[in-house]
Amino acid sequence: MQSIAKNAAALLSVIGIGVQAIVCFMIAEGPIGSFHIGLFGAASLSYLISLSLALRTSLWLAALVIAVACLLLDFYALYGAFVAPTSSTEALSLLVVPVFKLLGVVPIGLLCGILANRFMPKSR
């Protein structure tokens, strides 16, 4: 179970980085500049944290929670910005979501993982 969850967290993190690359470098209009690269870096940072947690620590549950929550937020922002925008400022969510992921999702996911490691029964 643990190795499956670790692999799932790593796979979801890599998928999230790929989604960010598609959004920042393929969907975005205009020439690729420092803004696109910076946005890609900021949006991918939470996925890199999740990937490093999955591969290098025993906090695989935290990595899985972070990866799933970040993917859900990103897909919600992409849907709102590109598929069914409700206002002209909907694309600003693509700038706000990376900050929310770093300051909200990552700490909550880490807390969930640490509490689960502490209070879940250990399998032998």
PDB file of N, CA and C in Angstrom:
ATOM      1  N   MET A   1       0.816  -1.194   0.000  1.00  0.00           N
ATOM      2  CA  MET A   1       0.000   0.000   0.000  1.00  0.00           C
ATOM      3  C   MET A   1       0.860   1.259   0.000  1.00  0.00           C
ATOM      4  N   GLN A   2       1.898   1.260   0.823  1.00  0.00           N
ATOM      5  CA  GLN A   2       2.733   2.438   0.934  1.00  0.00           C
ATOM      6  C   GLN A   2       3.452   2.726  -0.371  1.00  0.00           C
ATOM      7  N   SER A   3       3.989   1.708  -1.026  1.00  0.00           N
ATOM      8  CA  SER A   3       4.718   1.958  -2.265  1.00  0.00           C
ATOM      9  C   SER A   3       3.774   2.390  -3.378  1.00  0.00           C
ATOM     10  N   ILE A   4       2.542   1.879  -3.379  1.00  0.00           N
ATOM     11  CA  ILE A   4       1.568   2.305  -4.383  1.00  0.00           C
ATOM     12  C   ILE A   4       1.216   3.778  -4.184  1.00  0.00           C
ATOM     13  N   ALA A   5       1.020   4.182  -2.939  1.00  0.00           N
ATOM     14  CA  ALA A   5       0.686   5.578  -2.647  1.00  0.00           C
ATOM     15  C   ALA A   5       1.866   6.493  -2.961  1.00  0.00           C
ATOM     16  N   LYS A   6       3.088   6.044  -2.681  1.00  0.00           N
ATOM     17  CA  LYS A   6       4.262   6.839  -3.025  1.00  0.00           C
ATOM     18  C   LYS A   6       4.358   7.037  -4.532  1.00  0.00           C
ATOM     19  N   ASN A   7       4.148   5.947  -5.271  1.00  0.00           N
ATOM     20  CA  ASN A   7       4.207   6.041  -6.725  1.00  0.00           C
ATOM     21  C   ASN A   7       3.082   6.906  -7.272  1.00  0.00           C
ATOM     22  N   ALA A   8       1.899   6.807  -6.683  1.00  0.00           N
ATOM     23  CA  ALA A   8       0.777   7.634  -7.121  1.00  0.00           C
ATOM     24  C   ALA A   8       1.045   9.114  -6.864  1.00  0.00           C
ATOM     25  N   ALA A   9       1.609   9.422  -5.701  1.00  0.00           N
ATOM     26  CA  ALA A   9       1.939  10.811  -5.386  1.00  0.00           C
ATOM     27  C   ALA A   9       2.998  11.346  -6.342  1.00  0.00           C
ATOM     28  N   ALA A  10       4.007  10.526  -6.640  1.00  0.00           N
ATOM     29  CA  ALA A  10       5.044  10.957  -7.576  1.00  0.00           C
ATOM     30  C   ALA A  10       4.466  11.150  -8.977  1.00  0.00           C
ATOM     31  N   LEU A  11       3.612  10.233  -9.409  1.00  0.00           N
ATOM     32  CA  LEU A  11       3.006  10.340 -10.734  1.00  0.00           C
ATOM     33  C   LEU A  11       2.110  11.572 -10.829  1.00  0.00           C
ATOM     34  N   LEU A  12       1.288  11.818  -9.820  1.00  0.00           N
ATOM     35  CA  LEU A  12       0.426  12.995  -9.838  1.00  0.00           C
ATOM     36  C   LEU A  12       1.235  14.284  -9.807  1.00  0.00           C
ATOM     37  N   SER A  13       2.363  14.277  -9.121  1.00  0.00           N
ATOM     38  CA  SER A  13       3.223  15.458  -9.099  1.00  0.00           C
ATOM     39  C   SER A  13       3.820  15.724 -10.475  1.00  0.00           C
ATOM     40  N   VAL A  14       4.258  14.681 -11.140  1.00  0.00           N
ATOM     41  CA  VAL A  14       4.819  14.841 -12.482  1.00  0.00           C
ATOM     42  C   VAL A  14       3.727  15.290 -13.458  1.00  0.00           C
ATOM     43  N   ILE A  15       2.526  14.750 -13.332  1.00  0.00           N
ATOM     44  CA  ILE A  15       1.407  15.183 -14.174  1.00  0.00           C
ATOM     45  C   ILE A  15       1.106  16.661 -13.929  1.00  0.00           C
ATOM     46  N   GLY A  16       1.142  17.084 -12.684  1.00  0.00           N
ATOM     47  CA  GLY A  16       0.903  18.491 -12.364  1.00  0.00           C
ATOM     48  C   GLY A  16       1.949  19.408 -12.971  1.00  0.00           C
ATOM     49  N   ILE A  17       3.209  18.999 -12.932  1.00  0.00           N
ATOM     50  CA  ILE A  17       4.263  19.798 -13.554  1.00  0.00           C
ATOM     51  C   ILE A  17       4.044  19.851 -15.063  1.00  0.00           C
ATOM     52  N   GLY A  18       3.620  18.740 -15.649  1.00  0.00           N
ATOM     53  CA  GLY A  18       3.330  18.726 -17.084  1.00  0.00           C
ATOM     54  C   GLY A  18       2.170  19.638 -17.441  1.00  0.00           C
ATOM     55  N   VAL A  19       1.132  19.647 -16.617  1.00  0.00           N
ATOM     56  CA  VAL A  19      -0.007  20.543 -16.858  1.00  0.00           C
ATOM     57  C   VAL A  19       0.438  21.993 -16.797  1.00  0.00           C
ATOM     58  N   GLN A  20       1.290  22.318 -15.830  1.00  0.00           N
ATOM     59  CA  GLN A  20       1.788  23.683 -15.730  1.00  0.00           C
ATOM     60  C   GLN A  20       2.635  24.059 -16.950  1.00  0.00           C
ATOM     61  N   ALA A  21       3.418  23.124 -17.441  1.00  0.00           N
ATOM     62  CA  ALA A  21       4.221  23.394 -18.638  1.00  0.00           C
ATOM     63  C   ALA A  21       3.319  23.643 -19.843  1.00  0.00           C
ATOM     64  N   ILE A  22       2.263  22.865 -19.982  1.00  0.00           N
ATOM     65  CA  ILE A  22       1.338  23.068 -21.096  1.00  0.00           C
ATOM     66  C   ILE A  22       0.667  24.431 -21.005  1.00  0.00           C
ATOM     67  N   VAL A  23       0.227  24.792 -19.812  1.00  0.00           N
ATOM     68  CA  VAL A  23      -0.452  26.077 -19.637  1.00  0.00           C
ATOM     69  C   VAL A  23       0.505  27.237 -19.881  1.00  0.00           C
ATOM     70  N   CYS A  24       1.692  27.177 -19.328  1.00  0.00           N
ATOM     71  CA  CYS A  24       2.610  28.312 -19.402  1.00  0.00           C
ATOM     72  C   CYS A  24       3.311  28.445 -20.751  1.00  0.00           C
ATOM     73  N   PHE A  25       3.533  27.347 -21.436  1.00  0.00           N
ATOM     74  CA  PHE A  25       4.329  27.425 -22.652  1.00  0.00           C
ATOM     75  C   PHE A  25       3.554  27.126 -23.933  1.00  0.00           C
ATOM     76  N   MET A  26       2.400  26.465 -23.846  1.00  0.00           N
ATOM     77  CA  MET A  26       1.654  26.141 -25.059  1.00  0.00           C
ATOM     78  C   MET A  26       0.347  26.932 -25.181  1.00  0.00           C
ATOM     79  N   ILE A  27      -0.388  27.039 -24.097  1.00  0.00           N
ATOM     80  CA  ILE A  27      -1.675  27.730 -24.155  1.00  0.00           C
ATOM     81  C   ILE A  27      -1.485  29.247 -24.110  1.00  0.00           C
ATOM     82  N   ALA A  28      -0.517  29.713 -23.341  1.00  0.00           N
ATOM     83  CA  ALA A  28      -0.294  31.150 -23.209  1.00  0.00           C
ATOM     84  C   ALA A  28       0.134  31.740 -24.553  1.00  0.00           C
ATOM     85  N   GLU A  29      -0.409  32.904 -24.844  1.00  0.00           N
ATOM     86  CA  GLU A  29      -0.112  33.541 -26.115  1.00  0.00           C
ATOM     87  C   GLU A  29       1.142  34.399 -26.004  1.00  0.00           C
ATOM     88  N   GLY A  30       1.760  34.624 -27.129  1.00  0.00           N
ATOM     89  CA  GLY A  30       2.926  35.481 -27.188  1.00  0.00           C
ATOM     90  C   GLY A  30       4.208  34.697 -27.041  1.00  0.00           C
ATOM     91  N   PRO A  31       5.322  35.395 -27.203  1.00  0.00           N
ATOM     92  CA  PRO A  31       6.614  34.713 -27.075  1.00  0.00           C
ATOM     93  C   PRO A  31       6.903  34.335 -25.624  1.00  0.00           C
ATOM     94  N   ILE A  32       7.625  33.254 -25.465  1.00  0.00           N
ATOM     95  CA  ILE A  32       7.976  32.803 -24.116  1.00  0.00           C
ATOM     96  C   ILE A  32       9.020  33.755 -23.546  1.00  0.00           C
ATOM     97  N   GLY A  33       8.702  34.305 -22.395  1.00  0.00           N
ATOM     98  CA  GLY A  33       9.596  35.250 -21.754  1.00  0.00           C
ATOM     99  C   GLY A  33       9.812  34.896 -20.298  1.00  0.00           C
ATOM    100  N   SER A  34      10.378  35.845 -19.588  1.00  0.00           N
ATOM    101  CA  SER A  34      10.691  35.601 -18.183  1.00  0.00           C
ATOM    102  C   SER A  34       9.420  35.474 -17.341  1.00  0.00           C
ATOM    103  N   PHE A  35       8.333  36.135 -17.760  1.00  0.00           N
ATOM    104  CA  PHE A  35       7.081  36.003 -17.019  1.00  0.00           C
ATOM    105  C   PHE A  35       6.561  34.572 -17.095  1.00  0.00           C
ATOM    106  N   HIS A  36       6.598  33.971 -18.290  1.00  0.00           N
ATOM    107  CA  HIS A  36       6.124  32.601 -18.450  1.00  0.00           C
ATOM    108  C   HIS A  36       6.974  31.624 -17.634  1.00  0.00           C
ATOM    109  N   ILE A  37       8.264  31.832 -17.660  1.00  0.00           N
ATOM    110  CA  ILE A  37       9.167  30.950 -16.912  1.00  0.00           C
ATOM    111  C   ILE A  37       8.959  31.112 -15.407  1.00  0.00           C
ATOM    112  N   GLY A  38       8.779  32.346 -14.959  1.00  0.00           N
ATOM    113  CA  GLY A  38       8.519  32.585 -13.543  1.00  0.00           C
ATOM    114  C   GLY A  38       7.192  32.008 -13.089  1.00  0.00           C
ATOM    115  N   LEU A  39       6.171  32.143 -13.928  1.00  0.00           N
ATOM    116  CA  LEU A  39       4.868  31.567 -13.596  1.00  0.00           C
ATOM    117  C   LEU A  39       4.945  30.045 -13.549  1.00  0.00           C
ATOM    118  N   PHE A  40       5.672  29.452 -14.486  1.00  0.00           N
ATOM    119  CA  PHE A  40       5.851  28.002 -14.468  1.00  0.00           C
ATOM    120  C   PHE A  40       6.566  27.559 -13.198  1.00  0.00           C
ATOM    121  N   GLY A  41       7.604  28.282 -12.805  1.00  0.00           N
ATOM    122  CA  GLY A  41       8.340  27.941 -11.589  1.00  0.00           C
ATOM    123  C   GLY A  41       7.485  28.066 -10.339  1.00  0.00           C
ATOM    124  N   ALA A  42       6.717  29.147 -10.262  1.00  0.00           N
ATOM    125  CA  ALA A  42       5.870  29.348  -9.080  1.00  0.00           C
ATOM    126  C   ALA A  42       4.743  28.316  -9.020  1.00  0.00           C
ATOM    127  N   ALA A  43       4.168  28.006 -10.175  1.00  0.00           N
ATOM    128  CA  ALA A  43       3.057  27.059 -10.193  1.00  0.00           C
ATOM    129  C   ALA A  43       3.540  25.628  -9.974  1.00  0.00           C
ATOM    130  N   SER A  44       4.777  25.329 -10.332  1.00  0.00           N
ATOM    131  CA  SER A  44       5.303  23.969 -10.195  1.00  0.00           C
ATOM    132  C   SER A  44       5.951  23.710  -8.847  1.00  0.00           C
ATOM    133  N   LEU A  45       6.178  24.742  -8.064  1.00  0.00           N
ATOM    134  CA  LEU A  45       6.896  24.568  -6.803  1.00  0.00           C
ATOM    135  C   LEU A  45       6.166  23.646  -5.832  1.00  0.00           C
ATOM    136  N   SER A  46       4.858  23.749  -5.740  1.00  0.00           N
ATOM    137  CA  SER A  46       4.126  22.863  -4.838  1.00  0.00           C
ATOM    138  C   SER A  46       4.206  21.410  -5.301  1.00  0.00           C
ATOM    139  N   TYR A  47       4.227  21.191  -6.607  1.00  0.00           N
ATOM    140  CA  TYR A  47       4.381  19.829  -7.125  1.00  0.00           C
ATOM    141  C   TYR A  47       5.789  19.298  -6.861  1.00  0.00           C
ATOM    142  N   LEU A  48       6.778  20.155  -6.932  1.00  0.00           N
ATOM    143  CA  LEU A  48       8.145  19.721  -6.618  1.00  0.00           C
ATOM    144  C   LEU A  48       8.279  19.363  -5.141  1.00  0.00           C
ATOM    145  N   ILE A  49       7.597  20.098  -4.280  1.00  0.00           N
ATOM    146  CA  ILE A  49       7.598  19.762  -2.858  1.00  0.00           C
ATOM    147  C   ILE A  49       6.940  18.411  -2.645  1.00  0.00           C
ATOM    148  N   SER A  50       5.825  18.189  -3.301  1.00  0.00           N
ATOM    149  CA  SER A  50       5.125  16.907  -3.183  1.00  0.00           C
ATOM    150  C   SER A  50       5.988  15.761  -3.718  1.00  0.00           C
ATOM    151  N   LEU A  51       6.647  15.990  -4.831  1.00  0.00           N
ATOM    152  CA  LEU A  51       7.509  14.955  -5.412  1.00  0.00           C
ATOM    153  C   LEU A  51       8.671  14.617  -4.494  1.00  0.00           C
ATOM    154  N   SER A  52       9.277  15.635  -3.899  1.00  0.00           N
ATOM    155  CA  SER A  52      10.395  15.362  -2.988  1.00  0.00           C
ATOM    156  C   SER A  52       9.926  14.676  -1.710  1.00  0.00           C
ATOM    157  N   LEU A  53       8.728  15.015  -1.231  1.00  0.00           N
ATOM    158  CA  LEU A  53       8.182  14.313  -0.063  1.00  0.00           C
ATOM    159  C   LEU A  53       7.906  12.853  -0.383  1.00  0.00           C
ATOM    160  N   ALA A  54       7.409  12.601  -1.590  1.00  0.00           N
ATOM    161  CA  ALA A  54       7.077  11.222  -1.961  1.00  0.00           C
ATOM    162  C   ALA A  54       8.325  10.371  -2.136  1.00  0.00           C
ATOM    163  N   LEU A  55       9.372  10.946  -2.679  1.00  0.00           N
ATOM    164  CA  LEU A  55      10.547  10.150  -3.019  1.00  0.00           C
ATOM    165  C   LEU A  55      11.602  10.091  -1.915  1.00  0.00           C
ATOM    166  N   ARG A  56      11.647  11.081  -1.035  1.00  0.00           N
ATOM    167  CA  ARG A  56      12.760  11.160  -0.091  1.00  0.00           C
ATOM    168  C   ARG A  56      12.387  11.050   1.376  1.00  0.00           C
ATOM    169  N   THR A  57      11.109  11.060   1.694  1.00  0.00           N
ATOM    170  CA  THR A  57      10.716  11.006   3.101  1.00  0.00           C
ATOM    171  C   THR A  57       9.672   9.912   3.303  1.00  0.00           C
ATOM    172  N   SER A  58       9.279   9.745   4.539  1.00  0.00           N
ATOM    173  CA  SER A  58       8.214   8.786   4.840  1.00  0.00           C
ATOM    174  C   SER A  58       6.843   9.455   4.876  1.00  0.00           C
ATOM    175  N   LEU A  59       6.761  10.708   4.455  1.00  0.00           N
ATOM    176  CA  LEU A  59       5.499  11.445   4.458  1.00  0.00           C
ATOM    177  C   LEU A  59       4.783  11.288   3.114  1.00  0.00           C
ATOM    178  N   TRP A  60       4.590  10.046   2.708  1.00  0.00           N
ATOM    179  CA  TRP A  60       3.953   9.787   1.410  1.00  0.00           C
ATOM    180  C   TRP A  60       2.494  10.211   1.406  1.00  0.00           C
ATOM    181  N   LEU A  61       1.827  10.148   2.555  1.00  0.00           N
ATOM    182  CA  LEU A  61       0.431  10.575   2.619  1.00  0.00           C
ATOM    183  C   LEU A  61       0.327  12.087   2.426  1.00  0.00           C
ATOM    184  N   ALA A  62       1.249  12.831   2.995  1.00  0.00           N
ATOM    185  CA  ALA A  62       1.269  14.276   2.792  1.00  0.00           C
ATOM    186  C   ALA A  62       1.507  14.606   1.333  1.00  0.00           C
ATOM    187  N   ALA A  63       2.414  13.872   0.698  1.00  0.00           N
ATOM    188  CA  ALA A  63       2.691  14.103  -0.712  1.00  0.00           C
ATOM    189  C   ALA A  63       1.456  13.825  -1.562  1.00  0.00           C
ATOM    190  N   LEU A  64       0.728  12.780  -1.222  1.00  0.00           N
ATOM    191  CA  LEU A  64      -0.477  12.426  -1.974  1.00  0.00           C
ATOM    192  C   LEU A  64      -1.571  13.482  -1.782  1.00  0.00           C
ATOM    193  N   VAL A  65      -1.757  13.944  -0.563  1.00  0.00           N
ATOM    194  CA  VAL A  65      -2.765  14.970  -0.285  1.00  0.00           C
ATOM    195  C   VAL A  65      -2.418  16.264  -1.020  1.00  0.00           C
ATOM    196  N   ILE A  66      -1.153  16.655  -0.985  1.00  0.00           N
ATOM    197  CA  ILE A  66      -0.722  17.886  -1.646  1.00  0.00           C
ATOM    198  C   ILE A  66      -0.910  17.772  -3.154  1.00  0.00           C
ATOM    199  N   ALA A  67      -0.507  16.658  -3.735  1.00  0.00           N
ATOM    200  CA  ALA A  67      -0.605  16.506  -5.187  1.00  0.00           C
ATOM    201  C   ALA A  67      -2.057  16.514  -5.653  1.00  0.00           C
ATOM    202  N   VAL A  68      -2.925  15.801  -4.954  1.00  0.00           N
ATOM    203  CA  VAL A  68      -4.333  15.744  -5.358  1.00  0.00           C
ATOM    204  C   VAL A  68      -4.994  17.112  -5.193  1.00  0.00           C
ATOM    205  N   ALA A  69      -4.765  17.766  -4.079  1.00  0.00           N
ATOM    206  CA  ALA A  69      -5.383  19.077  -3.842  1.00  0.00           C
ATOM    207  C   ALA A  69      -4.882  20.116  -4.845  1.00  0.00           C
ATOM    208  N   CYS A  70      -3.600  20.082  -5.148  1.00  0.00           N
ATOM    209  CA  CYS A  70      -3.050  21.035  -6.119  1.00  0.00           C
ATOM    210  C   CYS A  70      -3.601  20.784  -7.518  1.00  0.00           C
ATOM    211  N   LEU A  71      -3.728  19.527  -7.899  1.00  0.00           N
ATOM    212  CA  LEU A  71      -4.303  19.226  -9.208  1.00  0.00           C
ATOM    213  C   LEU A  71      -5.757  19.686  -9.298  1.00  0.00           C
ATOM    214  N   LEU A  72      -6.525  19.456  -8.244  1.00  0.00           N
ATOM    215  CA  LEU A  72      -7.913  19.901  -8.253  1.00  0.00           C
ATOM    216  C   LEU A  72      -8.012  21.424  -8.359  1.00  0.00           C
ATOM    217  N   LEU A  73      -7.181  22.143  -7.626  1.00  0.00           N
ATOM    218  CA  LEU A  73      -7.182  23.599  -7.714  1.00  0.00           C
ATOM    219  C   LEU A  73      -6.761  24.076  -9.097  1.00  0.00           C
ATOM    220  N   ASP A  74      -5.744  23.447  -9.660  1.00  0.00           N
ATOM    221  CA  ASP A  74      -5.291  23.852 -10.983  1.00  0.00           C
ATOM    222  C   ASP A  74      -6.328  23.585 -12.054  1.00  0.00           C
ATOM    223  N   PHE A  75      -6.978  22.433 -11.990  1.00  0.00           N
ATOM    224  CA  PHE A  75      -8.011  22.139 -12.982  1.00  0.00           C
ATOM    225  C   PHE A  75      -9.213  23.071 -12.828  1.00  0.00           C
ATOM    226  N   TYR A  76      -9.546  23.431 -11.604  1.00  0.00           N
ATOM    227  CA  TYR A  76     -10.622  24.387 -11.382  1.00  0.00           C
ATOM    228  C   TYR A  76     -10.258  25.751 -11.972  1.00  0.00           C
ATOM    229  N   ALA A  77      -9.013  26.198 -11.759  1.00  0.00           N
ATOM    230  CA  ALA A  77      -8.573  27.485 -12.297  1.00  0.00           C
ATOM    231  C   ALA A  77      -8.514  27.439 -13.823  1.00  0.00           C
ATOM    232  N   LEU A  78      -8.045  26.339 -14.382  1.00  0.00           N
ATOM    233  CA  LEU A  78      -7.993  26.219 -15.841  1.00  0.00           C
ATOM    234  C   LEU A  78      -9.385  26.213 -16.447  1.00  0.00           C
ATOM    235  N   TYR A  79     -10.299  25.513 -15.822  1.00  0.00           N
ATOM    236  CA  TYR A  79     -11.675  25.491 -16.298  1.00  0.00           C
ATOM    237  C   TYR A  79     -12.274  26.895 -16.252  1.00  0.00           C
ATOM    238  N   GLY A  80     -12.041  27.589 -15.159  1.00  0.00           N
ATOM    239  CA  GLY A  80     -12.582  28.936 -15.020  1.00  0.00           C
ATOM    240  C   GLY A  80     -11.942  29.940 -15.959  1.00  0.00           C
ATOM    241  N   ALA A  81     -10.694  29.759 -16.294  1.00  0.00           N
ATOM    242  CA  ALA A  81     -10.006  30.727 -17.135  1.00  0.00           C
ATOM    243  C   ALA A  81     -10.177  30.451 -18.626  1.00  0.00           C
ATOM    244  N   PHE A  82     -10.193  29.172 -19.019  1.00  0.00           N
ATOM    245  CA  PHE A  82     -10.177  28.861 -20.444  1.00  0.00           C
ATOM    246  C   PHE A  82     -11.468  28.252 -20.970  1.00  0.00           C
ATOM    247  N   VAL A  83     -12.165  27.454 -20.194  1.00  0.00           N
ATOM    248  CA  VAL A  83     -13.341  26.750 -20.703  1.00  0.00           C
ATOM    249  C   VAL A  83     -14.606  27.577 -20.515  1.00  0.00           C
ATOM    250  N   ALA A  84     -14.871  27.993 -19.310  1.00  0.00           N
ATOM    251  CA  ALA A  84     -16.107  28.721 -19.029  1.00  0.00           C
ATOM    252  C   ALA A  84     -15.843  29.927 -18.134  1.00  0.00           C
ATOM    253  N   PRO A  85     -15.190  30.961 -18.674  1.00  0.00           N
ATOM    254  CA  PRO A  85     -14.939  32.141 -17.840  1.00  0.00           C
ATOM    255  C   PRO A  85     -16.238  32.886 -17.545  1.00  0.00           C
ATOM    256  N   THR A  86     -16.368  33.330 -16.316  1.00  0.00           N
ATOM    257  CA  THR A  86     -17.572  34.054 -15.915  1.00  0.00           C
ATOM    258  C   THR A  86     -17.355  35.562 -15.911  1.00  0.00           C
ATOM    259  N   SER A  87     -16.103  35.992 -15.946  1.00  0.00           N
ATOM    260  CA  SER A  87     -15.809  37.416 -15.986  1.00  0.00           C
ATOM    261  C   SER A  87     -14.502  37.636 -16.732  1.00  0.00           C
ATOM    262  N   SER A  88     -14.211  38.877 -17.005  1.00  0.00           N
ATOM    263  CA  SER A  88     -12.990  39.186 -17.748  1.00  0.00           C
ATOM    264  C   SER A  88     -11.743  39.045 -16.884  1.00  0.00           C
ATOM    265  N   THR A  89     -11.906  38.982 -15.571  1.00  0.00           N
ATOM    266  CA  THR A  89     -10.755  38.864 -14.680  1.00  0.00           C
ATOM    267  C   THR A  89     -10.540  37.436 -14.191  1.00  0.00           C
ATOM    268  N   GLU A  90     -11.215  36.496 -14.804  1.00  0.00           N
ATOM    269  CA  GLU A  90     -11.095  35.092 -14.382  1.00  0.00           C
ATOM    270  C   GLU A  90      -9.680  34.554 -14.577  1.00  0.00           C
ATOM    271  N   ALA A  91      -8.946  35.079 -15.550  1.00  0.00           N
ATOM    272  CA  ALA A  91      -7.587  34.599 -15.807  1.00  0.00           C
ATOM    273  C   ALA A  91      -6.632  34.964 -14.672  1.00  0.00           C
ATOM    274  N   LEU A  92      -7.005  35.901 -13.841  1.00  0.00           N
ATOM    275  CA  LEU A  92      -6.152  36.247 -12.698  1.00  0.00           C
ATOM    276  C   LEU A  92      -6.043  35.099 -11.703  1.00  0.00           C
ATOM    277  N   SER A  93      -6.978  34.164 -11.775  1.00  0.00           N
ATOM    278  CA  SER A  93      -6.892  33.001 -10.882  1.00  0.00           C
ATOM    279  C   SER A  93      -5.639  32.180 -11.179  1.00  0.00           C
ATOM    280  N   LEU A  94      -5.134  32.253 -12.409  1.00  0.00           N
ATOM    281  CA  LEU A  94      -3.897  31.542 -12.737  1.00  0.00           C
ATOM    282  C   LEU A  94      -2.695  32.140 -12.017  1.00  0.00           C
ATOM    283  N   LEU A  95      -2.814  33.371 -11.570  1.00  0.00           N
ATOM    284  CA  LEU A  95      -1.747  34.005 -10.787  1.00  0.00           C
ATOM    285  C   LEU A  95      -1.933  33.805  -9.292  1.00  0.00           C
ATOM    286  N   VAL A  96      -3.171  33.671  -8.849  1.00  0.00           N
ATOM    287  CA  VAL A  96      -3.463  33.563  -7.417  1.00  0.00           C
ATOM    288  C   VAL A  96      -3.344  32.126  -6.924  1.00  0.00           C
ATOM    289  N   VAL A  97      -3.721  31.169  -7.756  1.00  0.00           N
ATOM    290  CA  VAL A  97      -3.725  29.767  -7.336  1.00  0.00           C
ATOM    291  C   VAL A  97      -2.336  29.274  -6.910  1.00  0.00           C
ATOM    292  N   PRO A  98      -1.228  29.613  -7.620  1.00  0.00           N
ATOM    293  CA  PRO A  98       0.077  29.144  -7.130  1.00  0.00           C
ATOM    294  C   PRO A  98       0.437  29.653  -5.734  1.00  0.00           C
ATOM    295  N   VAL A  99       0.052  30.874  -5.433  1.00  0.00           N
ATOM    296  CA  VAL A  99       0.317  31.418  -4.098  1.00  0.00           C
ATOM    297  C   VAL A  99      -0.521  30.692  -3.055  1.00  0.00           C
ATOM    298  N   PHE A 100      -1.790  30.437  -3.379  1.00  0.00           N
ATOM    299  CA  PHE A 100      -2.663  29.721  -2.456  1.00  0.00           C
ATOM    300  C   PHE A 100      -2.167  28.298  -2.226  1.00  0.00           C
ATOM    301  N   LYS A 101      -1.666  27.667  -3.283  1.00  0.00           N
ATOM    302  CA  LYS A 101      -1.138  26.307  -3.121  1.00  0.00           C
ATOM    303  C   LYS A 101       0.069  26.299  -2.184  1.00  0.00           C
ATOM    304  N   LEU A 102       0.952  27.266  -2.345  1.00  0.00           N
ATOM    305  CA  LEU A 102       2.156  27.295  -1.505  1.00  0.00           C
ATOM    306  C   LEU A 102       1.860  27.672  -0.058  1.00  0.00           C
ATOM    307  N   LEU A 103       0.949  28.624   0.130  1.00  0.00           N
ATOM    308  CA  LEU A 103       0.697  29.114   1.486  1.00  0.00           C
ATOM    309  C   LEU A 103      -0.447  28.402   2.195  1.00  0.00           C
ATOM    310  N   GLY A 104      -1.277  27.648   1.452  1.00  0.00           N
ATOM    311  CA  GLY A 104      -2.406  26.982   2.069  1.00  0.00           C
ATOM    312  C   GLY A 104      -2.361  25.472   1.965  1.00  0.00           C
ATOM    313  N   VAL A 105      -2.225  24.979   0.758  1.00  0.00           N
ATOM    314  CA  VAL A 105      -2.323  23.538   0.530  1.00  0.00           C
ATOM    315  C   VAL A 105      -1.106  22.797   1.069  1.00  0.00           C
ATOM    316  N   VAL A 106       0.084  23.308   0.806  1.00  0.00           N
ATOM    317  CA  VAL A 106       1.298  22.605   1.240  1.00  0.00           C
ATOM    318  C   VAL A 106       1.378  22.501   2.763  1.00  0.00           C
ATOM    319  N   PRO A 107       1.172  23.575   3.529  1.00  0.00           N
ATOM    320  CA  PRO A 107       1.221  23.410   4.992  1.00  0.00           C
ATOM    321  C   PRO A 107       0.115  22.501   5.541  1.00  0.00           C
ATOM    322  N   ILE A 108      -1.098  22.596   4.985  1.00  0.00           N
ATOM    323  CA  ILE A 108      -2.176  21.730   5.459  1.00  0.00           C
ATOM    324  C   ILE A 108      -1.886  20.277   5.106  1.00  0.00           C
ATOM    325  N   GLY A 109      -1.358  20.023   3.918  1.00  0.00           N
ATOM    326  CA  GLY A 109      -0.992  18.663   3.530  1.00  0.00           C
ATOM    327  C   GLY A 109       0.120  18.099   4.403  1.00  0.00           C
ATOM    328  N   LEU A 110       1.108  18.928   4.717  1.00  0.00           N
ATOM    329  CA  LEU A 110       2.178  18.479   5.618  1.00  0.00           C
ATOM    330  C   LEU A 110       1.638  18.155   7.001  1.00  0.00           C
ATOM    331  N   LEU A 111       0.746  18.993   7.492  1.00  0.00           N
ATOM    332  CA  LEU A 111       0.156  18.746   8.802  1.00  0.00           C
ATOM    333  C   LEU A 111      -0.639  17.442   8.794  1.00  0.00           C
ATOM    334  N   CYS A 112      -1.413  17.205   7.749  1.00  0.00           N
ATOM    335  CA  CYS A 112      -2.170  15.947   7.640  1.00  0.00           C
ATOM    336  C   CYS A 112      -1.234  14.745   7.606  1.00  0.00           C
ATOM    337  N   GLY A 113      -0.155  14.859   6.854  1.00  0.00           N
ATOM    338  CA  GLY A 113       0.792  13.749   6.769  1.00  0.00           C
ATOM    339  C   GLY A 113       1.505  13.469   8.070  1.00  0.00           C
ATOM    340  N   ILE A 114       1.903  14.516   8.771  1.00  0.00           N
ATOM    341  CA  ILE A 114       2.589  14.339  10.051  1.00  0.00           C
ATOM    342  C   ILE A 114       1.644  13.734  11.086  1.00  0.00           C
ATOM    343  N   LEU A 115       0.404  14.227  11.140  1.00  0.00           N
ATOM    344  CA  LEU A 115      -0.567  13.674  12.081  1.00  0.00           C
ATOM    345  C   LEU A 115      -0.909  12.224  11.744  1.00  0.00           C
ATOM    346  N   ALA A 116      -1.002  11.909  10.464  1.00  0.00           N
ATOM    347  CA  ALA A 116      -1.295  10.526  10.070  1.00  0.00           C
ATOM    348  C   ALA A 116      -0.140   9.597  10.429  1.00  0.00           C
ATOM    349  N   ASN A 117       1.095  10.051  10.233  1.00  0.00           N
ATOM    350  CA  ASN A 117       2.247   9.236  10.621  1.00  0.00           C
ATOM    351  C   ASN A 117       2.294   9.017  12.123  1.00  0.00           C
ATOM    352  N   ARG A 118       1.853   9.986  12.862  1.00  0.00           N
ATOM    353  CA  ARG A 118       1.938   9.891  14.315  1.00  0.00           C
ATOM    354  C   ARG A 118       0.833   9.016  14.901  1.00  0.00           C
ATOM    355  N   PHE A 119      -0.389   9.118  14.356  1.00  0.00           N
ATOM    356  CA  PHE A 119      -1.526   8.461  14.983  1.00  0.00           C
ATOM    357  C   PHE A 119      -2.046   7.234  14.249  1.00  0.00           C
ATOM    358  N   MET A 120      -1.632   7.010  13.026  1.00  0.00           N
ATOM    359  CA  MET A 120      -2.083   5.801  12.320  1.00  0.00           C
ATOM    360  C   MET A 120      -1.327   4.589  12.839  1.00  0.00           C
ATOM    361  N   PRO A 121      -1.984   3.471  12.925  1.00  0.00           N
ATOM    362  CA  PRO A 121      -1.258   2.262  13.369  1.00  0.00           C
ATOM    363  C   PRO A 121      -0.232   1.839  12.321  1.00  0.00           C
ATOM    364  N   LYS A 122       0.888   1.415  12.776  1.00  0.00           N
ATOM    365  CA  LYS A 122       1.963   0.977  11.874  1.00  0.00           C
ATOM    366  C   LYS A 122       1.688  -0.439  11.414  1.00  0.00           C
ATOM    367  N   SER A 123       1.800  -0.669  10.125  1.00  0.00           N
ATOM    368  CA  SER A 123       1.620  -2.024   9.593  1.00  0.00           C
ATOM    369  C   SER A 123       2.960  -2.752   9.651  1.00  0.00           C
ATOM    370  N   ARG A 124       2.901  -4.015   9.903  1.00  0.00           N
ATOM    371  CA  ARG A 124       4.142  -4.774  10.037  1.00  0.00           C
ATOM    372  C   ARG A 124       4.390  -5.612   8.838  1.00  0.00           C
TER     373      ARG A 124
END
